[in-house]
PDB file of all heavy atoms in Angstrom:
ATOM      1  N   PHE A   1     114.140 117.368 116.946  1.00  0.00           N
ATOM      2  CA  PHE A   1     115.338 117.804 117.608  1.00  0.00           C
ATOM      3  C   PHE A   1     116.003 116.684 118.349  1.00  0.00           C
ATOM      4  O   PHE A   1     117.256 116.814 118.593  1.00  0.00           O
ATOM      5  CB  PHE A   1     115.034 119.041 118.535  1.00  0.00           C
ATOM      6  CG  PHE A   1     114.420 120.160 117.815  1.00  0.00           C
ATOM      7  CD1 PHE A   1     113.430 120.910 118.294  1.00  0.00           C
ATOM      8  CD2 PHE A   1     114.836 120.634 116.553  1.00  0.00           C
ATOM      9  CE1 PHE A   1     112.828 121.837 117.714  1.00  0.00           C
ATOM     10  CE2 PHE A   1     114.233 121.568 115.872  1.00  0.00           C
ATOM     11  CZ  PHE A   1     113.258 122.305 116.388  1.00  0.00           C
ATOM     12  N   LEU A   2     115.169 115.777 118.874  1.00  0.00           N
ATOM     13  CA  LEU A   2     115.718 114.633 119.663  1.00  0.00           C
ATOM     14  C   LEU A   2     116.154 113.391 118.827  1.00  0.00           C
ATOM     15  O   LEU A   2     116.540 112.342 119.401  1.00  0.00           O
ATOM     16  CB  LEU A   2     114.690 114.206 120.682  1.00  0.00           C
ATOM     17  CG  LEU A   2     114.361 115.296 121.640  1.00  0.00           C
ATOM     18  CD1 LEU A   2     113.240 114.795 122.557  1.00  0.00           C
ATOM     19  CD2 LEU A   2     115.490 115.868 122.476  1.00  0.00           C
ATOM     20  N   ASN A   3     116.011 113.446 117.604  1.00  0.00           N
ATOM     21  CA  ASN A   3     116.312 112.417 116.534  1.00  0.00           C
ATOM     22  C   ASN A   3     115.574 111.196 116.936  1.00  0.00           C
ATOM     23  O   ASN A   3     116.179 110.063 117.015  1.00  0.00           O
ATOM     24  CB  ASN A   3     117.814 112.074 116.499  1.00  0.00           C
ATOM     25  CG  ASN A   3     118.568 113.406 115.915  1.00  0.00           C
ATOM     26  OD1 ASN A   3     118.085 113.946 114.987  1.00  0.00           O
ATOM     27  ND2 ASN A   3     119.636 113.766 116.651  1.00  0.00           N
ATOM     28  N   VAL A   4     114.381 111.251 117.072  1.00  0.00           N
ATOM     29  CA  VAL A   4     113.447 110.125 117.418  1.00  0.00           C
ATOM     30  C   VAL A   4     113.134 109.395 116.177  1.00  0.00           C
ATOM     31  O   VAL A   4     112.923 109.989 115.125  1.00  0.00           O
ATOM     32  CB  VAL A   4     112.131 110.664 118.128  1.00  0.00           C
ATOM     33  CG1 VAL A   4     111.140 109.471 118.201  1.00  0.00           C
ATOM     34  CG2 VAL A   4     112.413 111.193 119.538  1.00  0.00           C
ATOM     35  N   ARG A   5     113.060 108.037 116.291  1.00  0.00           N
ATOM     36  CA  ARG A   5     112.658 107.266 115.051  1.00  0.00           C
ATOM     37  C   ARG A   5     111.146 107.480 114.886  1.00  0.00           C
ATOM     38  O   ARG A   5     110.415 106.823 115.626  1.00  0.00           O
ATOM     39  CB  ARG A   5     113.013 105.790 115.137  1.00  0.00           C
ATOM     40  CG  ARG A   5     114.652 105.558 115.214  1.00  0.00           C
ATOM     41  CD  ARG A   5     114.952 104.222 115.356  1.00  0.00           C
ATOM     42  NE  ARG A   5     114.204 103.266 114.523  1.00  0.00           N
ATOM     43  CZ  ARG A   5     113.718 102.008 114.965  1.00  0.00           C
ATOM     44  NH1 ARG A   5     113.996 101.620 116.124  1.00  0.00           N
ATOM     45  NH2 ARG A   5     113.002 101.320 114.073  1.00  0.00           N
ATOM     46  N   ILE A   6     110.767 108.343 113.932  1.00  0.00           N
ATOM     47  CA  ILE A   6     109.448 108.857 113.983  1.00  0.00           C
ATOM     48  C   ILE A   6     108.203 107.898 113.566  1.00  0.00           C
ATOM     49  O   ILE A   6     107.183 107.985 114.170  1.00  0.00           O
ATOM     50  CB  ILE A   6     109.399 110.131 113.117  1.00  0.00           C
ATOM     51  CG1 ILE A   6     108.100 110.862 113.204  1.00  0.00           C
ATOM     52  CG2 ILE A   6     109.561 109.784 111.624  1.00  0.00           C
ATOM     53  CD1 ILE A   6     107.805 111.571 114.656  1.00  0.00           C
ATOM     54  N   VAL A   7     108.498 107.083 112.699  1.00  0.00           N
ATOM     55  CA  VAL A   7     107.438 106.083 112.241  1.00  0.00           C
ATOM     56  C   VAL A   7     107.063 105.152 113.538  1.00  0.00           C
ATOM     57  O   VAL A   7     105.883 105.047 113.763  1.00  0.00           O
ATOM     58  CB  VAL A   7     107.730 105.409 111.027  1.00  0.00           C
ATOM     59  CG1 VAL A   7     106.781 104.289 110.661  1.00  0.00           C
ATOM     60  CG2 VAL A   7     107.881 106.292 109.781  1.00  0.00           C
ATOM     61  N   PRO A   8     108.019 104.433 114.035  1.00  0.00           N
ATOM     62  CA  PRO A   8     107.571 103.676 115.202  1.00  0.00           C
ATOM     63  C   PRO A   8     106.937 104.543 116.384  1.00  0.00           C
ATOM     64  O   PRO A   8     105.981 104.169 117.029  1.00  0.00           O
ATOM     65  CB  PRO A   8     108.874 103.070 115.699  1.00  0.00           C
ATOM     66  CG  PRO A   8     109.794 103.256 114.558  1.00  0.00           C
ATOM     67  CD  PRO A   8     109.491 104.290 113.755  1.00  0.00           C
ATOM     68  N   ALA A   9     107.466 105.809 116.566  1.00  0.00           N
ATOM     69  CA  ALA A   9     107.027 106.622 117.593  1.00  0.00           C
ATOM     70  C   ALA A   9     105.518 107.046 117.376  1.00  0.00           C
ATOM     71  O   ALA A   9     104.672 107.034 118.246  1.00  0.00           O
ATOM     72  CB  ALA A   9     107.876 107.915 117.684  1.00  0.00           C
ATOM     73  N   VAL A  10     105.313 107.498 116.209  1.00  0.00           N
ATOM     74  CA  VAL A  10     103.904 107.934 115.913  1.00  0.00           C
ATOM     75  C   VAL A  10     102.873 106.792 115.843  1.00  0.00           C
ATOM     76  O   VAL A  10     101.750 106.887 116.223  1.00  0.00           O
ATOM     77  CB  VAL A  10     103.743 108.850 114.534  1.00  0.00           C
ATOM     78  CG1 VAL A  10     104.594 110.098 114.876  1.00  0.00           C
ATOM     79  CG2 VAL A  10     104.142 108.142 113.451  1.00  0.00           C
ATOM     80  N   SER A  11     103.376 105.700 115.384  1.00  0.00           N
ATOM     81  CA  SER A  11     102.459 104.480 115.308  1.00  0.00           C
ATOM     82  C   SER A  11     102.151 104.126 116.819  1.00  0.00           C
ATOM     83  O   SER A  11     100.954 103.658 117.198  1.00  0.00           O
ATOM     84  CB  SER A  11     103.249 103.214 114.731  1.00  0.00           C
ATOM     85  OG  SER A  11     103.492 103.628 113.324  1.00  0.00           O
ATOM     86  N   PHE A  12     103.159 104.162 117.677  1.00  0.00           N
ATOM     87  CA  PHE A  12     102.961 103.876 119.126  1.00  0.00           C
ATOM     88  C   PHE A  12     101.979 104.868 119.807  1.00  0.00           C
ATOM     89  O   PHE A  12     101.070 104.498 120.450  1.00  0.00           O
ATOM     90  CB  PHE A  12     104.402 103.818 119.756  1.00  0.00           C
ATOM     91  CG  PHE A  12     104.295 103.289 121.181  1.00  0.00           C
ATOM     92  CD1 PHE A  12     104.042 101.926 121.515  1.00  0.00           C
ATOM     93  CD2 PHE A  12     104.348 104.123 122.295  1.00  0.00           C
ATOM     94  CE1 PHE A  12     103.948 101.396 122.869  1.00  0.00           C
ATOM     95  CE2 PHE A  12     104.428 103.588 123.657  1.00  0.00           C
ATOM     96  CZ  PHE A  12     104.176 102.259 123.831  1.00  0.00           C
ATOM     97  N   ILE A  13     102.193 106.167 119.484  1.00  0.00           N
ATOM     98  CA  ILE A  13     101.388 107.160 120.064  1.00  0.00           C
ATOM     99  C   ILE A  13      99.862 106.963 119.612  1.00  0.00           C
ATOM    100  O   ILE A  13      98.859 106.988 120.440  1.00  0.00           O
ATOM    101  CB  ILE A  13     101.836 108.598 119.702  1.00  0.00           C
ATOM    102  CG1 ILE A  13     103.123 108.888 120.538  1.00  0.00           C
ATOM    103  CG2 ILE A  13     100.845 109.649 120.012  1.00  0.00           C
ATOM    104  CD1 ILE A  13     103.915 110.019 120.128  1.00  0.00           C
ATOM    105  N   GLY A  14      99.788 106.791 118.278  1.00  0.00           N
ATOM    106  CA  GLY A  14      98.377 106.498 117.735  1.00  0.00           C
ATOM    107  C   GLY A  14      97.770 105.368 118.324  1.00  0.00           C
ATOM    108  O   GLY A  14      96.474 105.281 118.757  1.00  0.00           O
ATOM    109  N   THR A  15      98.488 104.186 118.562  1.00  0.00           N
ATOM    110  CA  THR A  15      97.940 102.986 119.180  1.00  0.00           C
ATOM    111  C   THR A  15      97.559 103.254 120.547  1.00  0.00           C
ATOM    112  O   THR A  15      96.430 102.798 121.007  1.00  0.00           O
ATOM    113  CB  THR A  15      98.883 101.798 119.178  1.00  0.00           C
ATOM    114  OG1 THR A  15      99.235 101.613 117.668  1.00  0.00           O
ATOM    115  CG2 THR A  15      98.371 100.615 119.635  1.00  0.00           C
ATOM    116  N   VAL A  16      98.356 103.829 121.268  1.00  0.00           N
ATOM    117  CA  VAL A  16      98.003 104.142 122.735  1.00  0.00           C
ATOM    118  C   VAL A  16      96.733 105.040 122.922  1.00  0.00           C
ATOM    119  O   VAL A  16      95.919 104.677 123.595  1.00  0.00           O
ATOM    120  CB  VAL A  16      99.261 104.874 123.525  1.00  0.00           C
ATOM    121  CG1 VAL A  16      98.936 105.443 124.931  1.00  0.00           C
ATOM    122  CG2 VAL A  16     100.360 103.763 123.599  1.00  0.00           C
ATOM    123  N   THR A  17      96.875 105.970 121.956  1.00  0.00           N
ATOM    124  CA  THR A  17      95.581 106.896 122.036  1.00  0.00           C
ATOM    125  C   THR A  17      94.313 106.265 121.538  1.00  0.00           C
ATOM    126  O   THR A  17      93.197 106.450 122.103  1.00  0.00           O
ATOM    127  CB  THR A  17      95.800 108.194 121.029  1.00  0.00           C
ATOM    128  OG1 THR A  17      97.014 108.771 121.491  1.00  0.00           O
ATOM    129  CG2 THR A  17      94.577 109.137 121.065  1.00  0.00           C
ATOM    130  N   PHE A  18      94.491 105.388 120.607  1.00  0.00           N
ATOM    131  CA  PHE A  18      93.328 104.551 120.096  1.00  0.00           C
ATOM    132  C   PHE A  18      92.727 103.816 121.305  1.00  0.00           C
ATOM    133  O   PHE A  18      91.470 103.886 121.496  1.00  0.00           O
ATOM    134  CB  PHE A  18      93.716 103.590 118.986  1.00  0.00           C
ATOM    135  CG  PHE A  18      92.605 102.659 118.556  1.00  0.00           C
ATOM    136  CD1 PHE A  18      91.732 103.000 117.562  1.00  0.00           C
ATOM    137  CD2 PHE A  18      92.488 101.455 119.226  1.00  0.00           C
ATOM    138  CE1 PHE A  18      90.751 102.163 117.144  1.00  0.00           C
ATOM    139  CE2 PHE A  18      91.454 100.402 118.816  1.00  0.00           C
ATOM    140  CZ  PHE A  18      90.422 100.963 117.860  1.00  0.00           C
ATOM    141  N   CYS A  19      93.538 102.957 121.941  1.00  0.00           N
ATOM    142  CA  CYS A  19      93.129 102.195 123.029  1.00  0.00           C
ATOM    143  C   CYS A  19      92.516 103.160 124.191  1.00  0.00           C
ATOM    144  O   CYS A  19      91.360 102.705 124.679  1.00  0.00           O
ATOM    145  CB  CYS A  19      94.385 101.506 123.596  1.00  0.00           C
ATOM    146  SG  CYS A  19      95.003 100.208 122.533  1.00  0.00           S
ATOM    147  N   LEU A  20      93.136 104.143 124.535  1.00  0.00           N
ATOM    148  CA  LEU A  20      92.639 105.041 125.644  1.00  0.00           C
ATOM    149  C   LEU A  20      91.350 105.670 125.254  1.00  0.00           C
ATOM    150  O   LEU A  20      90.406 105.901 126.104  1.00  0.00           O
ATOM    151  CB  LEU A  20      93.664 105.935 126.114  1.00  0.00           C
ATOM    152  CG  LEU A  20      94.846 105.341 126.993  1.00  0.00           C
ATOM    153  CD1 LEU A  20      95.853 106.396 127.257  1.00  0.00           C
ATOM    154  CD2 LEU A  20      94.357 104.724 128.258  1.00  0.00           C
ATOM    155  N   SER A  21      91.192 106.130 124.126  1.00  0.00           N
ATOM    156  CA  SER A  21      89.989 106.751 123.657  1.00  0.00           C
ATOM    157  C   SER A  21      88.797 105.854 123.584  1.00  0.00           C
ATOM    158  O   SER A  21      87.698 106.183 123.879  1.00  0.00           O
ATOM    159  CB  SER A  21      90.206 107.306 122.259  1.00  0.00           C
ATOM    160  OG  SER A  21      91.207 108.373 122.180  1.00  0.00           O
ATOM    161  N   ALA A  22      89.034 104.643 123.021  1.00  0.00           N
ATOM    162  CA  ALA A  22      87.993 103.550 122.958  1.00  0.00           C
ATOM    163  C   ALA A  22      87.605 103.181 124.413  1.00  0.00           C
ATOM    164  O   ALA A  22      86.301 103.060 124.697  1.00  0.00           O
ATOM    165  CB  ALA A  22      88.527 102.321 122.189  1.00  0.00           C
ATOM    166  N   ALA A  23      88.487 103.159 125.390  1.00  0.00           N
ATOM    167  CA  ALA A  23      88.221 102.843 126.684  1.00  0.00           C
ATOM    168  C   ALA A  23      87.433 103.998 127.331  1.00  0.00           C
ATOM    169  O   ALA A  23      86.636 103.943 128.150  1.00  0.00           O
ATOM    170  CB  ALA A  23      89.600 102.500 127.471  1.00  0.00           C
ATOM    171  N   GLY A  24      87.908 105.229 126.937  1.00  0.00           N
ATOM    172  CA  GLY A  24      87.261 106.437 127.566  1.00  0.00           C
ATOM    173  C   GLY A  24      85.778 106.487 127.107  1.00  0.00           C
ATOM    174  O   GLY A  24      84.906 106.997 127.921  1.00  0.00           O
ATOM    175  N   ILE A  25      85.346 106.095 125.874  1.00  0.00           N
ATOM    176  CA  ILE A  25      83.994 106.095 125.567  1.00  0.00           C
ATOM    177  C   ILE A  25      83.222 105.106 126.485  1.00  0.00           C
ATOM    178  O   ILE A  25      82.179 105.464 127.078  1.00  0.00           O
ATOM    179  CB  ILE A  25      83.802 105.527 124.101  1.00  0.00           C
ATOM    180  CG1 ILE A  25      84.353 106.694 123.107  1.00  0.00           C
ATOM    181  CG2 ILE A  25      82.352 105.186 123.727  1.00  0.00           C
ATOM    182  CD1 ILE A  25      83.618 107.885 122.926  1.00  0.00           C
ATOM    183  N   LYS A  26      83.749 103.887 126.743  1.00  0.00           N
ATOM    184  CA  LYS A  26      83.238 102.955 127.611  1.00  0.00           C
ATOM    185  C   LYS A  26      83.018 103.505 129.010  1.00  0.00           C
ATOM    186  O   LYS A  26      82.075 103.418 129.645  1.00  0.00           O
ATOM    187  CB  LYS A  26      83.886 101.655 127.587  1.00  0.00           C
ATOM    188  CG  LYS A  26      83.418 100.652 128.340  1.00  0.00           C
ATOM    189  CD  LYS A  26      82.039 100.094 127.904  1.00  0.00           C
ATOM    190  CE  LYS A  26      81.531  98.916 128.611  1.00  0.00           C
ATOM    191  NZ  LYS A  26      80.207  98.579 128.362  1.00  0.00           N
ATOM    192  N   ALA A  27      84.272 104.045 129.587  1.00  0.00           N
ATOM    193  CA  ALA A  27      84.280 104.557 130.861  1.00  0.00           C
ATOM    194  C   ALA A  27      83.235 105.749 131.025  1.00  0.00           C
ATOM    195  O   ALA A  27      82.609 105.785 132.220  1.00  0.00           O
ATOM    196  CB  ALA A  27      85.778 105.068 131.183  1.00  0.00           C
ATOM    197  N   GLY A  28      83.150 106.651 130.087  1.00  0.00           N
ATOM    198  CA  GLY A  28      82.243 107.742 130.188  1.00  0.00           C
ATOM    199  C   GLY A  28      80.817 107.329 130.272  1.00  0.00           C
ATOM    200  O   GLY A  28      80.029 107.837 131.022  1.00  0.00           O
ATOM    201  N   ASN A  29      80.569 106.285 129.500  1.00  0.00           N
ATOM    202  CA  ASN A  29      79.282 105.679 129.529  1.00  0.00           C
ATOM    203  C   ASN A  29      78.979 105.046 130.835  1.00  0.00           C
ATOM    204  O   ASN A  29      77.789 105.096 131.307  1.00  0.00           O
ATOM    205  CB  ASN A  29      79.141 104.703 128.307  1.00  0.00           C
ATOM    206  CG  ASN A  29      77.695 104.220 128.054  1.00  0.00           C
ATOM    207  OD1 ASN A  29      77.224 103.155 128.520  1.00  0.00           O
ATOM    208  ND2 ASN A  29      76.922 105.142 127.361  1.00  0.00           N
ATOM    209  N   LEU A  30      79.910 104.498 131.366  1.00  0.00           N
ATOM    210  CA  LEU A  30      79.694 103.687 132.775  1.00  0.00           C
ATOM    211  C   LEU A  30      79.748 104.848 133.945  1.00  0.00           C
ATOM    212  O   LEU A  30      78.949 104.724 134.927  1.00  0.00           O
ATOM    213  CB  LEU A  30      80.732 102.644 132.999  1.00  0.00           C
ATOM    214  CG  LEU A  30      80.573 101.551 132.040  1.00  0.00           C
ATOM    215  CD1 LEU A  30      81.952 100.557 132.346  1.00  0.00           C
ATOM    216  CD2 LEU A  30      79.375 100.773 132.321  1.00  0.00           C
TER     217      LEU A  30
END
């Protein structure tokens, strides 16, 4: 509805989530 350029947007969301999830595993372990 907001006419977002979807491919760059979902790539960015996936990358941010990848980084935070990987960091979350480490943080949880610590």
